[in-house]
Protein backbone atom coordinates (compact mmCIF):
# COMPACT_ATOMS: atom_id res chain seq x y z
CA UNK A 1 74.33 44.35 74.50
CA UNK A 2 73.75 41.03 72.66
CA UNK A 3 72.89 38.07 74.88
CA UNK A 4 72.80 34.28 74.92
CA UNK A 5 75.63 33.53 72.50
CA UNK A 6 76.23 29.91 71.58
CA UNK A 7 79.83 28.64 71.93
CA UNK A 8 80.22 28.53 68.15
CA UNK A 9 79.04 32.13 67.83
CA UNK A 10 81.53 33.23 70.48
CA UNK A 11 84.39 31.53 68.65
CA UNK A 12 83.32 32.97 65.29
CA UNK A 13 83.15 36.58 66.46
CA UNK A 14 86.47 36.48 68.33
CA UNK A 15 88.25 34.77 65.45
CA UNK A 16 86.75 37.16 62.89
CA UNK A 17 87.68 40.40 64.63
CA UNK A 18 91.16 39.20 65.59
CA UNK A 19 91.87 38.06 62.03
CA UNK A 20 90.66 41.36 60.55
CA UNK A 21 92.85 43.27 62.99
CA UNK A 22 95.83 41.06 62.14
CA UNK A 23 95.24 41.78 58.46
CA UNK A 24 95.17 45.50 59.29
CA UNK A 25 98.52 45.30 61.10
CA UNK A 26 100.04 43.42 58.18
CA UNK A 27 98.71 45.92 55.63
CA UNK A 28 100.38 48.80 57.47
CA UNK A 29 103.48 46.79 58.45
CA UNK A 30 102.99 47.46 62.16
CA UNK A 31 105.29 45.11 64.06
CA UNK A 32 108.34 45.03 66.34
CA UNK A 33 107.73 48.42 67.94
CA UNK A 34 106.06 50.21 70.85
CA UNK A 35 102.45 51.18 70.10
CA UNK A 36 99.93 53.28 71.99
CA UNK A 37 96.33 52.22 72.54
CA UNK A 38 93.99 55.04 73.55
CA UNK A 39 91.54 53.54 76.05
CA UNK A 40 88.59 55.51 77.42
CA UNK A 41 87.27 52.53 79.36
CA UNK A 42 84.25 52.08 77.08
CA UNK A 43 83.40 48.87 75.24
CA UNK A 44 85.04 49.93 71.94
CA UNK A 45 88.49 50.80 73.29
CA UNK A 46 88.55 47.94 75.81
CA UNK A 47 87.73 45.51 72.99
CA UNK A 48 90.47 47.01 70.81
CA UNK A 49 92.97 46.63 73.65
CA UNK A 50 91.96 42.99 74.16
CA UNK A 51 92.32 42.19 70.46
CA UNK A 52 95.73 43.85 70.19
CA UNK A 53 96.96 42.12 73.33
CA UNK A 54 95.89 38.79 71.79
CA UNK A 55 98.05 39.63 68.75
CA UNK A 56 100.90 41.16 70.74
CA UNK A 57 103.29 38.23 70.60
CA UNK A 58 102.66 37.46 66.92
CA UNK A 59 103.57 41.03 65.93
CA UNK A 60 106.11 41.71 68.69
CA UNK A 61 104.29 44.82 69.90
CA UNK A 62 105.09 46.77 73.06
CA UNK A 63 101.62 47.98 74.04
CA UNK A 64 101.30 51.18 76.08
CA UNK A 65 97.84 52.04 77.39
CA UNK A 66 97.03 55.76 77.44
CA UNK A 67 94.02 57.53 78.94
CA UNK A 68 92.98 61.19 79.19
CA UNK A 69 90.61 62.25 81.96
CA UNK A 70 88.69 65.19 80.48
CA UNK A 71 87.45 65.97 83.99
CA UNK A 72 83.90 66.62 82.81
CA UNK A 73 81.98 64.17 84.98
CA UNK A 74 83.54 64.54 88.42
CA UNK A 75 83.88 61.28 90.33
CA UNK A 76 82.73 59.26 87.33
CA UNK A 77 85.70 60.55 85.31
CA UNK A 78 88.04 59.64 88.16
CA UNK A 79 86.62 56.10 88.25
CA UNK A 80 87.13 55.80 84.47
CA UNK A 81 90.78 56.78 84.91
CA UNK A 82 91.27 54.25 87.73
CA UNK A 83 89.49 51.54 85.76
CA UNK A 84 91.81 51.92 82.76
CA UNK A 85 94.86 52.14 85.00
CA UNK A 86 93.86 48.90 86.78
CA UNK A 87 93.02 47.22 83.47
CA UNK A 88 96.50 47.96 82.13
CA UNK A 89 98.11 46.75 85.35
CA UNK A 90 96.14 43.49 85.32
CA UNK A 91 97.20 42.89 81.71
CA UNK A 92 100.83 43.62 82.52
CA UNK A 93 100.89 46.69 80.28
CA UNK A 94 102.46 50.09 80.88
CA UNK A 95 99.98 52.89 81.56
CA UNK A 96 100.21 56.63 81.00
CA UNK A 97 97.41 59.05 81.85
CA UNK A 98 96.74 62.75 82.32
CA UNK A 99 93.89 64.78 83.83
CA UNK A 100 92.79 68.07 82.28
CA UNK A 101 92.29 71.21 84.34
CA UNK A 102 88.73 72.02 85.35
CA UNK A 103 88.78 75.33 83.47
CA UNK A 104 89.16 73.70 80.04
CA UNK A 105 86.22 74.67 77.82
CA UNK A 106 83.62 71.89 77.86
CA UNK A 107 82.77 71.57 74.17
CA UNK A 108 83.15 68.63 71.78
CA UNK A 109 85.68 70.57 69.70
CA UNK A 110 87.87 71.61 72.63
CA UNK A 111 87.73 68.06 74.01
CA UNK A 112 88.94 66.72 70.67
CA UNK A 113 91.76 69.27 70.50
CA UNK A 114 92.90 68.44 74.03
CA UNK A 115 92.68 64.72 73.32
CA UNK A 116 94.92 64.90 70.26
CA UNK A 117 97.37 67.19 72.06
CA UNK A 118 97.58 64.48 74.75
CA UNK A 119 98.14 61.81 72.10
CA UNK A 120 101.02 63.85 70.68
CA UNK A 121 102.63 64.13 74.11
CA UNK A 122 102.28 60.38 74.63
CA UNK A 123 103.77 59.64 71.21
CA UNK A 124 106.81 61.72 72.13
CA UNK A 125 107.09 60.18 75.58
CA UNK A 126 107.19 56.63 74.25
CA UNK A 127 109.11 57.53 71.07
CA UNK A 128 106.69 55.79 68.74
CA UNK A 129 104.77 56.64 65.59
CA UNK A 130 101.71 54.46 66.13
CA UNK A 131 98.62 55.32 68.16
CA UNK A 132 95.58 53.05 67.87
CA UNK A 133 92.11 54.58 68.15
CA UNK A 134 88.86 52.65 68.55
CA UNK A 135 86.54 54.33 66.03
CA UNK A 136 84.12 51.86 64.47
CA UNK A 137 81.76 51.58 61.51
CA UNK A 138 78.92 53.32 63.36
CA UNK A 139 81.21 56.20 64.36
CA UNK A 140 82.13 56.59 60.71
CA UNK A 141 78.48 56.78 59.65
CA UNK A 142 77.66 59.26 62.41
CA UNK A 143 80.61 61.45 61.43
CA UNK A 144 79.48 61.53 57.80
CA UNK A 145 75.92 62.49 58.78
CA UNK A 146 77.29 65.27 60.98
CA UNK A 147 79.48 66.60 58.18
CA UNK A 148 76.63 66.55 55.65
CA UNK A 149 74.36 68.47 58.04
CA UNK A 150 77.05 71.03 58.91
CA UNK A 151 78.26 71.36 55.33
CA UNK A 152 81.06 69.47 53.61
CA UNK A 153 82.54 68.91 50.18
CA UNK A 154 83.13 65.65 48.29
CA UNK A 155 86.43 65.03 50.13
CA UNK A 156 84.58 65.21 53.45
CA UNK A 157 82.45 62.24 52.42
CA UNK A 158 85.47 60.02 53.06
CA UNK A 159 84.74 60.62 56.78
CA UNK A 160 87.23 59.05 59.24
CA UNK A 161 90.41 57.60 57.63
CA UNK A 162 91.63 54.15 58.66
CA UNK A 163 95.12 55.60 58.77
CA UNK A 164 96.44 59.12 59.02
CA UNK A 165 99.82 58.50 60.56
CA UNK A 166 100.50 58.30 63.43
CA UNK A 167 96.83 57.43 64.07
CA UNK A 168 95.50 53.99 63.11
CA UNK A 169 91.92 52.75 63.38
CA UNK A 170 91.74 48.95 63.00
CA UNK A 171 88.02 48.73 63.91
CA UNK A 172 86.51 51.00 61.25
CA UNK A 173 85.05 47.95 59.53
CA UNK A 174 83.53 46.59 62.76
CA UNK A 175 79.96 47.44 63.62
CA UNK A 176 79.08 48.47 67.16
CA UNK A 177 77.05 45.26 67.46
CA UNK A 178 80.05 43.11 66.48
CA UNK A 179 82.20 44.86 69.08
CA UNK A 180 79.59 44.29 71.77
CA UNK A 181 79.29 40.63 70.73
CA UNK A 182 83.07 40.24 71.04
CA UNK A 183 83.08 41.85 74.48
CA UNK A 184 80.32 39.50 75.61
CA UNK A 185 82.03 36.46 74.09
CA UNK A 186 85.29 36.99 75.99
CA UNK A 187 83.67 38.42 79.13
CA UNK A 188 85.16 41.92 79.00
CA UNK A 189 84.34 44.46 81.68
CA UNK A 190 84.08 48.09 80.64
CA UNK A 191 82.74 51.47 81.70
CA UNK A 192 79.58 53.17 80.42
CA UNK A 193 79.87 56.94 79.96
CA UNK A 194 76.69 58.52 81.33
CA UNK A 195 77.12 61.49 78.97
CA UNK A 196 76.50 59.16 76.00
CA UNK A 197 72.79 59.59 76.70
CA UNK A 198 72.95 63.39 76.62
CA UNK A 199 71.52 64.42 73.25
CA UNK A 200 72.70 67.99 73.77
CA UNK A 201 75.93 66.63 72.31
CA UNK A 202 75.52 66.53 68.54
CA UNK A 203 77.08 63.09 68.04
CA UNK A 204 74.72 61.59 70.63
CA UNK A 205 71.75 63.28 68.97
CA UNK A 206 72.70 61.72 65.63
CA UNK A 207 73.25 58.31 67.23
CA UNK A 208 70.01 58.27 69.19
CA UNK A 209 67.61 60.26 67.01
CA UNK A 210 68.74 60.55 63.40
CA UNK A 211 70.30 57.16 62.60
CA UNK A 212 67.34 55.18 64.00
CA UNK A 213 65.00 57.13 61.69
CA UNK A 214 67.26 56.38 58.73
CA UNK A 215 67.22 52.69 59.66
CA UNK A 216 63.43 52.73 59.35
CA UNK A 217 63.99 53.41 55.65
CA UNK A 218 66.92 51.02 55.32
CA UNK A 219 67.82 48.70 58.18
CA UNK A 220 71.33 48.50 56.73
CA UNK A 221 71.76 52.27 56.69
CA UNK A 222 75.11 52.12 58.53
CA UNK A 223 76.51 49.67 55.95
CA UNK A 224 75.17 51.78 53.05
CA UNK A 225 76.72 54.95 54.46
CA UNK A 226 80.04 53.16 54.93
CA UNK A 227 79.90 51.99 51.30
CA UNK A 228 79.59 55.64 50.27
CA UNK A 229 82.54 56.48 52.52
CA UNK A 230 84.67 53.77 50.87
CA UNK A 231 83.76 54.94 47.35
CA UNK A 232 84.48 58.55 48.33
CA UNK A 233 87.88 57.57 49.70
CA UNK A 234 88.76 55.79 46.46
CA UNK A 235 87.54 58.77 44.42
CA UNK A 236 89.68 61.08 46.54
CA UNK A 237 92.79 59.00 45.85
CA UNK A 238 92.23 59.31 42.09
CA UNK A 239 91.46 63.02 42.36
CA UNK A 240 94.54 63.63 44.49
CA UNK A 241 96.87 62.72 41.64
CA UNK A 242 95.08 65.08 39.26
CA UNK A 243 94.98 67.96 41.76
CA UNK A 244 98.71 67.71 42.41
CA UNK A 245 99.35 68.32 38.71
CA UNK A 246 96.96 71.30 38.71
CA UNK A 247 98.63 72.78 41.80
CA UNK A 248 101.99 72.48 40.08
CA UNK A 249 100.68 74.70 37.28
CA UNK A 250 99.16 77.42 39.53
CA UNK A 251 101.75 77.57 42.33
CA UNK A 252 104.97 79.49 41.88
CA UNK A 253 107.85 77.05 42.19
CA UNK A 254 110.09 77.66 45.20
CA UNK A 255 107.83 80.37 46.62
CA UNK A 256 107.15 78.82 50.03
CA UNK A 257 108.91 81.63 51.88
CA UNK A 258 106.11 83.09 53.99
CA UNK A 259 105.13 82.34 57.57
CA UNK A 260 102.53 79.70 56.65
CA UNK A 261 104.95 77.81 54.37
CA UNK A 262 102.37 78.03 51.59
CA UNK A 263 103.37 78.74 47.98
CA UNK A 264 102.32 81.85 46.09
CA UNK A 265 99.37 81.34 43.73
CA UNK A 266 99.68 82.67 40.18
CA UNK A 267 96.39 84.59 39.94
CA UNK A 268 95.91 84.48 36.15
CA UNK A 269 96.58 80.74 35.96
CA UNK A 270 94.25 80.20 38.93
CA UNK A 271 91.41 82.21 37.37
CA UNK A 272 91.78 80.26 34.13
CA UNK A 273 90.64 77.12 35.97
CA UNK A 274 87.00 76.11 36.04
CA UNK A 275 85.25 77.47 39.13
CA UNK A 276 84.67 74.10 40.86
CA UNK A 277 88.39 73.35 40.43
CA UNK A 278 89.27 76.77 41.89
CA UNK A 279 87.22 75.95 44.99
CA UNK A 280 88.96 72.60 45.43
CA UNK A 281 92.39 74.24 45.17
CA UNK A 282 91.34 76.85 47.76
CA UNK A 283 90.03 74.21 50.15
CA UNK A 284 93.31 72.30 49.98
CA UNK A 285 95.40 75.46 50.26
CA UNK A 286 93.72 76.54 53.50
CA UNK A 287 93.80 73.16 55.22
CA UNK A 288 95.14 73.66 58.74
CA UNK A 289 94.67 77.43 58.50
CA UNK A 290 90.96 78.00 57.97
CA UNK A 291 89.11 76.00 60.62
CA UNK A 292 85.75 76.02 58.83
CA UNK A 293 86.37 75.22 55.17
CA UNK A 294 82.69 75.08 54.29
CA UNK A 295 81.27 76.07 50.90
CA UNK A 296 80.36 79.59 52.01
CA UNK A 297 83.88 80.46 53.18
CA UNK A 298 85.54 78.85 50.17
CA UNK A 299 83.32 80.86 47.78
CA UNK A 300 84.11 84.07 49.67
CA UNK A 301 87.84 83.51 49.18
CA UNK A 302 87.26 82.56 45.54
CA UNK A 303 85.30 85.76 44.87
CA UNK A 304 87.90 87.84 46.70
CA UNK A 305 90.68 86.55 44.43
CA UNK A 306 88.51 87.02 41.36
CA UNK A 307 87.33 90.56 42.15
CA UNK A 308 90.53 92.13 43.51
CA UNK A 309 93.95 92.95 42.08
CA UNK A 310 95.39 94.79 45.10
CA UNK A 311 93.65 93.88 48.34
CA UNK A 312 93.87 92.00 51.63
CA UNK A 313 91.45 89.52 53.17
CA UNK A 314 91.56 88.68 56.90
CA UNK A 315 91.42 84.89 57.26
CA UNK A 316 91.67 84.56 61.05
CA UNK A 317 93.12 86.39 64.05
CA UNK A 318 96.61 86.74 62.60
CA UNK A 319 96.49 85.47 59.01
CA UNK A 320 95.82 87.46 55.86
CA UNK A 321 95.42 86.63 52.17
CA UNK A 322 97.04 89.19 49.87
CA UNK A 323 96.36 89.80 46.18
CA UNK A 324 99.11 91.88 44.59
CA UNK A 325 100.49 92.19 41.03
CA UNK A 326 99.14 88.90 39.78
CA UNK A 327 100.16 86.98 42.91
CA UNK A 328 98.07 85.61 45.78
CA UNK A 329 99.76 84.69 49.04
CA UNK A 330 99.25 84.26 52.78
CA UNK A 331 101.06 86.18 55.50
CA UNK A 332 100.82 86.84 59.22
CA UNK A 333 100.51 90.27 60.76
CA UNK A 334 103.56 91.27 62.76
CA UNK A 335 101.76 92.96 65.66
CA UNK A 336 98.59 94.69 66.71
CA UNK A 337 98.31 97.85 68.80
CA UNK A 338 96.01 98.07 71.80
CA UNK A 339 93.64 100.25 69.78
CA UNK A 340 93.29 97.50 67.19
CA UNK A 341 95.30 99.09 64.37
CA UNK A 342 97.52 96.57 62.63
CA UNK A 343 101.24 96.94 61.93
CA UNK A 344 102.08 95.20 58.65
CA UNK A 345 105.40 94.68 56.89
CA UNK A 346 105.66 96.43 53.52
CA UNK A 347 108.31 98.14 51.45
CA UNK A 348 107.86 101.36 49.51
CA UNK A 349 106.47 99.42 46.54
CA UNK A 350 103.71 97.97 48.72
CA UNK A 351 105.37 94.55 48.91
CA UNK A 352 105.74 92.52 52.07
CA UNK A 353 108.87 92.91 54.25
CA UNK A 354 110.83 96.18 54.48
CA UNK A 355 109.66 99.19 56.49
CA UNK A 356 106.80 99.12 58.98
CA UNK A 357 103.62 100.86 57.91
CA UNK A 358 100.71 101.53 60.22
CA UNK A 359 97.09 102.51 59.71
CA UNK A 360 95.16 105.08 61.64
CA UNK A 361 91.67 104.49 62.96
CA UNK A 362 90.90 108.20 62.78
CA UNK A 363 91.62 108.58 59.10
CA UNK A 364 94.09 107.85 56.34
CA UNK A 365 97.41 108.94 57.75
CA UNK A 366 100.67 109.18 55.88
CA UNK A 367 101.27 105.48 56.31
CA UNK A 368 97.95 104.31 54.84
CA UNK A 369 98.63 101.77 52.12
CA UNK A 370 95.43 102.37 50.18
CA UNK A 371 94.45 98.73 49.70
CA UNK A 372 91.07 97.29 50.64
CA UNK A 373 90.84 95.01 53.66
CA UNK A 374 88.04 92.52 54.30
CA UNK A 375 87.38 89.78 56.83
CA UNK A 376 86.18 86.21 56.53
C-alpha cells in the first residue's frame, strides 16, 4: 500500500477516480435506477463501492451491495461476508448475500461460474440490468497474459470488456496502485484474501511471478499491455461489421430451427472463404457451445467440414455437428442408453427429425445410419 500522502495528493487521487467513474456512468447513461455492486471485501471492490456511493445522489442510483461467500477459506470467508454486510449497513445500503455449499468444486473456473450465476439471481431479485464489477487495469493485463499462454485468437486480445451488459467495469482504466492510493486517501478499511498469495492459482502466479519479470524489461508493462487491449478492442469493432456481412452470405436465412438456435451453414459458400476467415466464422458460431475455442479445436472443426460430406462430429456431451447434402448444422442428441449407444432423430432420407434410429455397439444393426462419427 502507498504511504505518506500529502493532502494535495489525496485530493487529486479522489477527484480523479471519481471524475473518471462519473464519465463512465454518463457514457453508458446509467442513472435513476437500482444498481448492484459486487463487493468481495477487498480493496478494489470496497473502493468501487465508495466511489459509487459518492456519486449516488448526482446520478440518482439505488445501490444494492451483493456478496457471494465461496466457502473456500472457512472462518475467513465467514468474516469476509460479515465485513461486507456490516459495511453496507454502515453506509445505509441494502445488502444481499449467499453462501455456496461446501461440496462445490474448488477451481477458478467453477468459482467464476458460481459467481456469475449468483449475479444473475441478484439481478432478477432487484429487477435491474446493471451490475458493477471491480476489475482494474492490472486484472486486464493479467487476463491477457493468461489467455496468450493458454491459447487465444485476435479477439481474445481485447481481454476484459468495460461493458458487456448487464456487467459494467468502471475501474478498468485504474491501476492497482491508484486504487490503493484512493483507499489510503479516504481511509477505507478492507479485507485481505489470504489465498491471493497462493501461486497454485494461475492468476496469482501471473501476478506474483510473471508480471514482475515483464516489468524488468518495461516498468510500464501493464500500461503497454492495456494499450494492446484497447487497440484489439477497436480492431474487433471494425472486424465485427465485416464478419456480419460474411455470415449473411454463408448462413441459410431463416434456418435457426434447431435446438441451439444456430443457423445452418452453406458448406460450399463456407469452403469458398479463405481459411483464416473460415476459422473466425467457426469460433463465432460455437461461442457459448464449445467451452475451449482454442486454435486446435477450431482447426479440427474446420478440417471436419472440409473433409466430410456426410458425417457427424461430437462437440460436447450432448451436441453434434452434422454435415449433410451441402449443409452444416448443430443438433442435440435426444437420449442415450445405459450402454452408451445414442438415439438420434432421423427420417428415412437420413435427415434430422422423423423416426428414431439407434446404433448397436456389437455391430451394424438394421438401424445403422452409415455415417462417420468423430469426437472433439
